Amino acid sequence: MPAVFVNGARGRVAQALSLDAVIDDRPENCLDVVADSNAHPLLLWRRSRESLPMTVHSTRIEMVSSFGEALDRLERMTAERQGRRTLLGRVRSAIGF
């Protein structure tokens, strides 16, 4: 469960680290992930969908409204791959998400 803090080319970093998913709160950073990697971008967006830049609507960026929702989505992604309860799910339950 790595956390990576980066200034700049998030997509290239995601590709270099072979990340499966990236959570970010800026649409332009998620677009960078789409452009330069195979990672699944999760946009943490608390505003209305209408306030998103038009370029985001036509991409594979998935919008989530909270960090808890992002964790839920990551858990589902992991479970789909493994077909069983994941470590992320146990951690999420332990911290109350």
Protein backbone atom coordinates (compact mmCIF):
# COMPACT_ATOMS: atom_id res chain seq x y z
CA MET A 1 0.00 0.00 0.00
CA PRO A 2 2.52 2.61 -1.10
CA ALA A 3 1.88 6.32 -1.02
CA VAL A 4 3.87 8.43 -3.44
CA PHE A 5 4.07 12.21 -3.31
CA VAL A 6 5.24 13.75 -6.56
CA ASN A 7 5.65 17.16 -8.10
CA GLY A 8 5.36 16.97 -11.86
CA ALA A 9 4.87 14.04 -14.22
CA ARG A 10 2.54 11.75 -12.28
CA GLY A 11 1.80 9.59 -15.28
CA ARG A 12 5.46 8.80 -15.91
CA VAL A 13 5.98 8.06 -12.22
CA ALA A 14 2.93 5.77 -12.17
CA GLN A 15 4.26 3.93 -15.21
CA ALA A 16 7.80 3.65 -13.82
CA LEU A 17 6.49 2.24 -10.52
CA SER A 18 3.95 -0.02 -12.28
CA LEU A 19 1.15 1.41 -10.14
CA ASP A 20 -2.31 -0.08 -10.54
CA ALA A 21 -4.16 3.05 -9.39
CA VAL A 22 -3.55 6.71 -8.58
CA ILE A 23 -5.75 8.89 -6.35
CA ASP A 24 -5.51 12.63 -6.98
CA ASP A 25 -7.68 15.68 -6.38
CA ARG A 26 -6.66 17.56 -9.53
CA PRO A 27 -8.14 16.71 -12.94
CA GLU A 28 -4.96 17.69 -14.78
CA ASN A 29 -2.93 15.21 -12.74
CA CYS A 30 -5.41 12.43 -13.52
CA LEU A 31 -5.21 13.34 -17.21
CA ASP A 32 -1.42 13.03 -16.95
CA VAL A 33 -1.87 9.53 -15.51
CA VAL A 34 -4.18 8.59 -18.41
CA ALA A 35 -1.74 9.95 -20.96
CA ASP A 36 1.45 8.38 -19.64
CA SER A 37 0.55 5.16 -17.81
CA ASN A 38 -1.73 2.16 -17.52
CA ALA A 39 -2.73 3.07 -13.95
CA HIS A 40 -6.40 3.56 -13.11
CA PRO A 41 -6.87 7.24 -12.09
CA LEU A 42 -9.35 8.04 -9.31
CA LEU A 43 -10.25 11.72 -9.13
CA LEU A 44 -11.20 12.81 -5.63
CA TRP A 45 -13.80 15.45 -6.57
CA ARG A 46 -16.20 16.96 -4.04
CA ARG A 47 -17.77 19.49 -6.36
CA SER A 48 -20.51 18.89 -8.90
CA ARG A 49 -19.80 16.81 -11.98
CA GLU A 50 -20.73 19.83 -14.10
CA SER A 51 -17.75 21.76 -12.71
CA LEU A 52 -15.27 19.23 -14.13
CA PRO A 53 -13.25 20.30 -17.16
CA MET A 54 -14.73 18.85 -20.36
CA THR A 55 -11.54 16.88 -21.07
CA VAL A 56 -12.19 14.70 -18.02
CA HIS A 57 -15.66 13.58 -19.16
CA SER A 58 -14.35 11.65 -22.16
CA THR A 59 -11.54 9.73 -20.41
CA ARG A 60 -11.16 6.65 -18.24
CA ILE A 61 -10.87 8.78 -15.09
CA GLU A 62 -13.19 7.57 -12.34
CA MET A 63 -14.60 10.22 -10.01
CA VAL A 64 -14.95 9.56 -6.27
CA SER A 65 -16.33 11.99 -3.70
CA SER A 66 -14.32 10.95 -0.62
CA PHE A 67 -11.16 9.16 0.39
CA GLY A 68 -13.33 6.44 1.90
CA GLU A 69 -15.02 5.93 -1.46
CA ALA A 70 -11.58 5.76 -3.11
CA LEU A 71 -10.53 3.07 -0.61
CA ASP A 72 -13.73 1.15 -1.34
CA ARG A 73 -12.98 1.29 -5.05
CA LEU A 74 -9.38 0.15 -4.52
CA GLU A 75 -10.62 -2.73 -2.41
CA ARG A 76 -13.08 -3.80 -5.13
CA MET A 77 -10.31 -3.60 -7.74
CA THR A 78 -8.06 -5.77 -5.59
CA ALA A 79 -10.82 -8.24 -4.76
CA GLU A 80 -11.69 -8.57 -8.44
CA ARG A 81 -8.10 -9.58 -9.08
CA GLN A 82 -7.73 -11.88 -6.10
CA GLY A 83 -11.26 -13.11 -5.57
CA ARG A 84 -11.08 -12.88 -1.75
CA ARG A 85 -11.06 -10.38 1.15
CA THR A 86 -7.98 -8.19 0.89
CA LEU A 87 -5.46 -6.69 3.26
CA LEU A 88 -6.72 -3.25 2.22
CA GLY A 89 -10.21 -4.26 3.35
CA ARG A 90 -8.96 -5.35 6.75
CA VAL A 91 -6.97 -2.11 7.17
CA ARG A 92 -9.99 -0.05 6.07
CA SER A 93 -12.17 -1.81 8.64
CA ALA A 94 -9.57 -1.35 11.37
CA ILE A 95 -9.41 2.44 10.85
CA GLY A 96 -13.16 2.82 10.50
CA PHE A 97 -13.61 3.57 6.77
